Each structure stands twice: as structure tokens, then as C-alpha cells.
N, C-alpha and C. Protein backbone atom coordinates (compact mmCIF):
# COMPACT_ATOMS: atom_id res chain seq x y z
N MET A 1 11.23 -60.99 -102.25
CA MET A 1 12.04 -59.96 -102.87
C MET A 1 13.51 -60.21 -102.54
N ALA A 2 14.32 -60.40 -103.55
CA ALA A 2 15.75 -60.61 -103.34
C ALA A 2 16.45 -59.26 -103.29
N ILE A 3 17.37 -59.15 -102.39
CA ILE A 3 18.15 -57.92 -102.26
C ILE A 3 19.61 -58.29 -102.48
N ASP A 4 20.18 -57.81 -103.58
CA ASP A 4 21.57 -58.13 -103.85
C ASP A 4 22.48 -57.06 -103.24
N ALA A 5 23.78 -57.29 -103.34
CA ALA A 5 24.76 -56.40 -102.71
C ALA A 5 24.64 -54.97 -103.23
N GLU A 6 24.43 -54.81 -104.53
CA GLU A 6 24.31 -53.47 -105.09
C GLU A 6 23.08 -52.74 -104.55
N ALA A 7 21.97 -53.46 -104.44
CA ALA A 7 20.74 -52.87 -103.89
C ALA A 7 20.95 -52.46 -102.44
N LEU A 8 21.70 -53.26 -101.68
CA LEU A 8 21.97 -52.91 -100.28
C LEU A 8 22.86 -51.67 -100.19
N ARG A 9 23.85 -51.59 -101.04
CA ARG A 9 24.71 -50.39 -101.04
C ARG A 9 23.89 -49.15 -101.38
N ASP A 10 22.96 -49.29 -102.34
CA ASP A 10 22.07 -48.17 -102.69
C ASP A 10 21.14 -47.82 -101.54
N LEU A 11 20.59 -48.85 -100.89
CA LEU A 11 19.67 -48.64 -99.78
C LEU A 11 20.33 -47.84 -98.66
N PHE A 12 21.59 -48.15 -98.35
CA PHE A 12 22.30 -47.51 -97.25
C PHE A 12 23.16 -46.33 -97.70
N ALA A 13 22.98 -45.84 -98.93
CA ALA A 13 23.83 -44.76 -99.47
C ALA A 13 23.84 -43.51 -98.60
N ALA A 14 22.69 -43.12 -98.05
CA ALA A 14 22.63 -41.92 -97.20
C ALA A 14 23.38 -42.13 -95.88
N PHE A 15 23.51 -43.38 -95.46
CA PHE A 15 24.24 -43.75 -94.25
C PHE A 15 25.75 -43.67 -94.49
N GLY A 16 26.17 -44.17 -95.65
CA GLY A 16 27.58 -44.21 -95.98
C GLY A 16 27.93 -45.54 -96.63
N PRO A 17 29.20 -45.73 -96.95
CA PRO A 17 29.59 -46.95 -97.64
C PRO A 17 29.43 -48.18 -96.75
N VAL A 18 28.92 -49.24 -97.36
CA VAL A 18 28.78 -50.53 -96.67
C VAL A 18 29.37 -51.62 -97.56
N SER A 19 29.78 -52.69 -96.92
CA SER A 19 30.19 -53.88 -97.66
C SER A 19 29.22 -54.99 -97.31
N VAL A 20 29.08 -55.93 -98.20
CA VAL A 20 28.12 -57.01 -98.03
C VAL A 20 28.87 -58.33 -98.17
N ARG A 21 28.65 -59.22 -97.22
CA ARG A 21 29.28 -60.55 -97.26
C ARG A 21 28.21 -61.61 -97.15
N ARG A 22 28.26 -62.57 -98.06
CA ARG A 22 27.30 -63.66 -98.03
C ARG A 22 27.56 -64.54 -96.82
N MET A 23 26.47 -65.02 -96.21
CA MET A 23 26.59 -65.91 -95.06
C MET A 23 25.29 -66.67 -94.84
N PHE A 24 25.35 -67.94 -94.56
CA PHE A 24 24.21 -68.76 -94.16
C PHE A 24 22.96 -68.54 -95.01
N GLY A 25 23.12 -68.47 -96.31
CA GLY A 25 21.97 -68.27 -97.18
C GLY A 25 21.45 -66.84 -97.21
N GLY A 26 22.12 -65.96 -96.50
CA GLY A 26 21.74 -64.55 -96.48
C GLY A 26 22.99 -63.70 -96.68
N ALA A 27 23.02 -62.56 -96.02
CA ALA A 27 24.18 -61.67 -96.13
C ALA A 27 24.31 -60.84 -94.87
N GLY A 28 25.54 -60.48 -94.56
CA GLY A 28 25.82 -59.53 -93.49
C GLY A 28 26.15 -58.19 -94.13
N VAL A 29 25.72 -57.10 -93.50
CA VAL A 29 26.00 -55.75 -93.99
C VAL A 29 26.96 -55.11 -92.98
N TYR A 30 28.07 -54.61 -93.49
CA TYR A 30 29.15 -54.11 -92.63
C TYR A 30 29.47 -52.65 -92.94
N ALA A 31 29.86 -51.94 -91.89
CA ALA A 31 30.42 -50.59 -92.01
C ALA A 31 31.62 -50.54 -91.07
N ASP A 32 32.70 -50.00 -91.53
CA ASP A 32 33.93 -49.93 -90.72
C ASP A 32 34.33 -51.30 -90.18
N GLY A 33 34.07 -52.36 -90.97
CA GLY A 33 34.46 -53.71 -90.57
C GLY A 33 33.57 -54.35 -89.53
N VAL A 34 32.44 -53.72 -89.20
CA VAL A 34 31.54 -54.23 -88.16
C VAL A 34 30.17 -54.53 -88.78
N MET A 35 29.65 -55.73 -88.51
CA MET A 35 28.34 -56.10 -89.03
C MET A 35 27.25 -55.43 -88.19
N PHE A 36 26.40 -54.63 -88.84
CA PHE A 36 25.33 -53.93 -88.14
C PHE A 36 23.95 -54.31 -88.68
N ALA A 37 23.92 -55.10 -89.74
CA ALA A 37 22.65 -55.53 -90.33
C ALA A 37 22.84 -56.89 -90.97
N LEU A 38 21.74 -57.61 -91.11
CA LEU A 38 21.78 -58.86 -91.84
C LEU A 38 20.56 -58.94 -92.74
N VAL A 39 20.68 -59.74 -93.78
CA VAL A 39 19.59 -59.92 -94.73
C VAL A 39 19.29 -61.40 -94.82
N SER A 40 18.03 -61.75 -94.67
CA SER A 40 17.59 -63.13 -94.79
C SER A 40 16.25 -63.15 -95.51
N ARG A 41 16.16 -63.96 -96.55
CA ARG A 41 14.93 -64.09 -97.33
C ARG A 41 14.38 -62.74 -97.78
N GLY A 42 15.25 -61.85 -98.20
CA GLY A 42 14.83 -60.56 -98.73
C GLY A 42 14.43 -59.54 -97.69
N THR A 43 14.66 -59.84 -96.42
CA THR A 43 14.30 -58.92 -95.34
C THR A 43 15.56 -58.43 -94.65
N VAL A 44 15.61 -57.13 -94.37
CA VAL A 44 16.75 -56.53 -93.69
C VAL A 44 16.44 -56.46 -92.20
N TYR A 45 17.42 -56.87 -91.41
CA TYR A 45 17.34 -56.80 -89.95
C TYR A 45 18.49 -55.93 -89.46
N LEU A 46 18.21 -55.05 -88.51
CA LEU A 46 19.22 -54.16 -87.96
C LEU A 46 19.61 -54.60 -86.56
N LYS A 47 20.86 -54.38 -86.20
CA LYS A 47 21.36 -54.70 -84.86
C LYS A 47 20.58 -53.88 -83.84
N ALA A 48 20.18 -54.53 -82.76
CA ALA A 48 19.39 -53.87 -81.72
C ALA A 48 19.91 -54.27 -80.35
N ASP A 49 19.55 -53.48 -79.36
CA ASP A 49 19.85 -53.81 -77.97
C ASP A 49 18.60 -53.57 -77.14
N ALA A 50 18.68 -53.79 -75.84
CA ALA A 50 17.50 -53.66 -74.98
C ALA A 50 16.90 -52.26 -75.06
N GLU A 51 17.73 -51.25 -75.29
CA GLU A 51 17.25 -49.88 -75.36
C GLU A 51 16.52 -49.58 -76.68
N SER A 52 16.98 -50.16 -77.78
CA SER A 52 16.38 -49.86 -79.08
C SER A 52 15.26 -50.83 -79.48
N GLN A 53 15.20 -51.99 -78.86
CA GLN A 53 14.17 -52.97 -79.23
C GLN A 53 12.75 -52.41 -79.15
N PRO A 54 12.41 -51.60 -78.14
CA PRO A 54 11.06 -51.03 -78.10
C PRO A 54 10.74 -50.14 -79.31
N LEU A 55 11.75 -49.51 -79.90
CA LEU A 55 11.53 -48.69 -81.10
C LEU A 55 11.09 -49.57 -82.27
N PHE A 56 11.72 -50.73 -82.40
CA PHE A 56 11.33 -51.68 -83.44
C PHE A 56 9.93 -52.21 -83.16
N ALA A 57 9.67 -52.58 -81.92
CA ALA A 57 8.36 -53.13 -81.55
C ALA A 57 7.26 -52.12 -81.82
N ALA A 58 7.52 -50.84 -81.56
CA ALA A 58 6.52 -49.80 -81.80
C ALA A 58 6.18 -49.67 -83.28
N GLU A 59 7.10 -50.12 -84.15
CA GLU A 59 6.89 -50.09 -85.60
C GLU A 59 6.25 -51.39 -86.10
N GLY A 60 5.94 -52.30 -85.15
CA GLY A 60 5.34 -53.58 -85.53
C GLY A 60 6.36 -54.60 -86.03
N CYS A 61 7.62 -54.39 -85.71
CA CYS A 61 8.69 -55.28 -86.17
C CYS A 61 9.12 -56.21 -85.05
N GLY A 62 9.58 -57.38 -85.42
CA GLY A 62 10.02 -58.37 -84.45
C GLY A 62 11.46 -58.79 -84.69
N PRO A 63 11.97 -59.62 -83.79
CA PRO A 63 13.35 -60.09 -83.92
C PRO A 63 13.49 -61.11 -85.05
N PHE A 64 14.73 -61.36 -85.42
CA PHE A 64 15.07 -62.33 -86.45
C PHE A 64 14.75 -63.74 -85.93
N VAL A 65 13.96 -64.47 -86.70
CA VAL A 65 13.58 -65.84 -86.36
C VAL A 65 14.07 -66.75 -87.49
N TYR A 66 14.66 -67.88 -87.11
CA TYR A 66 15.18 -68.81 -88.11
C TYR A 66 14.98 -70.25 -87.61
N ASP A 67 15.13 -71.20 -88.53
CA ASP A 67 15.00 -72.60 -88.18
C ASP A 67 16.34 -73.15 -87.73
N ARG A 68 16.31 -73.87 -86.61
CA ARG A 68 17.53 -74.47 -86.08
C ARG A 68 17.18 -75.87 -85.59
N ALA A 69 17.74 -76.84 -86.22
CA ALA A 69 17.50 -78.24 -85.88
C ALA A 69 16.00 -78.55 -85.87
N GLY A 70 15.29 -78.03 -86.89
CA GLY A 70 13.87 -78.32 -87.01
C GLY A 70 12.97 -77.51 -86.10
N LYS A 71 13.54 -76.61 -85.33
CA LYS A 71 12.76 -75.76 -84.43
C LYS A 71 13.05 -74.30 -84.74
N GLN A 72 12.11 -73.44 -84.37
CA GLN A 72 12.34 -72.01 -84.58
C GLN A 72 13.19 -71.45 -83.44
N ALA A 73 14.17 -70.67 -83.82
CA ALA A 73 15.04 -69.99 -82.85
C ALA A 73 14.94 -68.49 -83.12
N THR A 74 15.12 -67.71 -82.08
CA THR A 74 15.03 -66.25 -82.19
C THR A 74 16.37 -65.63 -81.82
N MET A 75 16.80 -64.69 -82.64
CA MET A 75 18.01 -63.92 -82.36
C MET A 75 17.57 -62.49 -82.04
N THR A 76 17.49 -62.18 -80.76
CA THR A 76 16.96 -60.88 -80.35
C THR A 76 17.93 -59.72 -80.58
N SER A 77 19.13 -60.01 -81.05
CA SER A 77 20.08 -58.92 -81.30
C SER A 77 19.88 -58.29 -82.68
N TYR A 78 19.01 -58.87 -83.52
CA TYR A 78 18.67 -58.29 -84.82
C TYR A 78 17.16 -58.25 -84.96
N TRP A 79 16.64 -57.07 -85.35
CA TRP A 79 15.19 -56.87 -85.51
C TRP A 79 14.89 -56.40 -86.93
N ARG A 80 13.73 -56.81 -87.43
CA ARG A 80 13.32 -56.45 -88.79
C ARG A 80 13.27 -54.93 -88.94
N MET A 81 13.85 -54.46 -90.02
CA MET A 81 13.85 -53.03 -90.31
C MET A 81 12.43 -52.59 -90.68
N PRO A 82 11.94 -51.50 -90.11
CA PRO A 82 10.60 -51.02 -90.46
C PRO A 82 10.48 -50.76 -91.96
N ASP A 83 9.37 -51.17 -92.55
CA ASP A 83 9.14 -51.03 -93.98
C ASP A 83 9.29 -49.59 -94.46
N ARG A 84 8.87 -48.63 -93.65
CA ARG A 84 8.90 -47.23 -94.08
C ARG A 84 10.32 -46.73 -94.35
N LEU A 85 11.32 -47.40 -93.78
CA LEU A 85 12.69 -46.96 -93.96
C LEU A 85 13.23 -47.25 -95.36
N TYR A 86 12.61 -48.20 -96.07
CA TYR A 86 13.05 -48.49 -97.43
C TYR A 86 12.84 -47.28 -98.35
N ASP A 87 11.90 -46.40 -97.99
CA ASP A 87 11.60 -45.22 -98.80
C ASP A 87 11.99 -43.92 -98.12
N ASP A 88 12.78 -43.99 -97.04
CA ASP A 88 13.16 -42.80 -96.29
C ASP A 88 14.65 -42.90 -95.95
N PRO A 89 15.52 -42.58 -96.93
CA PRO A 89 16.95 -42.79 -96.73
C PRO A 89 17.55 -42.04 -95.56
N ASP A 90 17.07 -40.84 -95.28
CA ASP A 90 17.65 -40.07 -94.17
C ASP A 90 17.33 -40.70 -92.82
N THR A 91 16.09 -41.15 -92.65
CA THR A 91 15.72 -41.80 -91.40
C THR A 91 16.39 -43.17 -91.30
N LEU A 92 16.49 -43.88 -92.41
CA LEU A 92 17.22 -45.15 -92.40
C LEU A 92 18.65 -44.93 -91.96
N ALA A 93 19.28 -43.86 -92.42
CA ALA A 93 20.65 -43.56 -92.03
C ALA A 93 20.76 -43.37 -90.52
N GLN A 94 19.77 -42.73 -89.90
CA GLN A 94 19.77 -42.56 -88.44
C GLN A 94 19.68 -43.92 -87.74
N TRP A 95 18.76 -44.77 -88.21
CA TRP A 95 18.60 -46.09 -87.62
C TRP A 95 19.88 -46.92 -87.81
N ALA A 96 20.49 -46.82 -88.99
CA ALA A 96 21.71 -47.57 -89.28
C ALA A 96 22.86 -47.09 -88.39
N ARG A 97 22.97 -45.78 -88.18
CA ARG A 97 24.02 -45.26 -87.29
C ARG A 97 23.85 -45.81 -85.88
N ARG A 98 22.61 -45.87 -85.39
CA ARG A 98 22.36 -46.43 -84.06
C ARG A 98 22.74 -47.91 -84.02
N SER A 99 22.36 -48.65 -85.06
CA SER A 99 22.68 -50.08 -85.11
C SER A 99 24.19 -50.30 -85.17
N LEU A 100 24.89 -49.48 -85.93
CA LEU A 100 26.34 -49.60 -85.98
C LEU A 100 26.96 -49.31 -84.62
N ALA A 101 26.49 -48.28 -83.94
CA ALA A 101 27.00 -47.96 -82.60
C ALA A 101 26.77 -49.12 -81.63
N ILE A 102 25.61 -49.75 -81.72
CA ILE A 102 25.31 -50.91 -80.87
C ILE A 102 26.26 -52.05 -81.18
N ALA A 103 26.48 -52.31 -82.47
CA ALA A 103 27.39 -53.38 -82.88
C ALA A 103 28.83 -53.08 -82.42
N GLN A 104 29.25 -51.82 -82.56
CA GLN A 104 30.60 -51.46 -82.14
C GLN A 104 30.76 -51.59 -80.63
N ALA A 105 29.75 -51.20 -79.87
CA ALA A 105 29.80 -51.32 -78.41
C ALA A 105 29.88 -52.79 -78.00
N GLY A 106 29.13 -53.63 -78.67
CA GLY A 106 29.17 -55.06 -78.37
C GLY A 106 30.51 -55.67 -78.67
N ARG A 107 31.13 -55.19 -79.73
CA ARG A 107 32.45 -55.68 -80.11
C ARG A 107 33.49 -55.29 -79.08
N LEU A 108 33.36 -54.09 -78.52
CA LEU A 108 34.30 -53.63 -77.50
C LEU A 108 34.18 -54.43 -76.20
N ARG A 109 32.92 -54.83 -75.90
CA ARG A 109 32.71 -55.63 -74.67
C ARG A 109 33.24 -57.04 -74.82
N GLY A 110 33.43 -57.44 -76.08
CA GLY A 110 34.06 -58.73 -76.34
C GLY A 110 33.10 -59.81 -76.50
């Protein structure tokens, strides 16, 4: 399933305005100039930290995995968005706000 920029803006409408920038065969999703989500192969991943990762795991979601130099690499700072959030804009907005806060905190730490 391909997700274009317009579909992403619609998906996050209850959260607020987002911008989408193409990157590495996927896209980054930004709010207030901060990337809080990424899209790869039609799947949305939200920014996570050690505190929020168990929430993703409880939903059966895992971290972003990609190929790097012929091997699989894992980026634990982004986790697959739970499928149920695609049909629940208000709850998605809550998850997105948490992911944005995590991204903003990381940016402040440098």
C-alpha cells in the first residue's frame, strides 16, 4: 500500500498540520519542523523512546528494520504504528503528540 503526502496529511488531520519530505525511498513526516514519523514501503513508523516502546510492543509492533550493506539493521527510535490507529484519528493524534514530544526532546538534547 503506497501512502502519498496527501494521504499522510489526511491520516494526521486530527493531530494537526504535517509536512512530508521524501527521503531514502520513503518519507519523513514533520510537525513544527521536527520529524516525528517516517514512512517506508507503505508502513508508518512513529518516533519512540525507552518509555513508549513497550506500548508499541504490547500492540504487536516492532522497530523499523531496513537493509544496510546487505544485512538487516534495526532503528529502535522508530516503531511501526499500530494498525488500529489508521481507523482511529483521535487516538492516532494522541500517539502522534507523544512521538512529536519525544522527537522534540531528542532535538533539545542535541
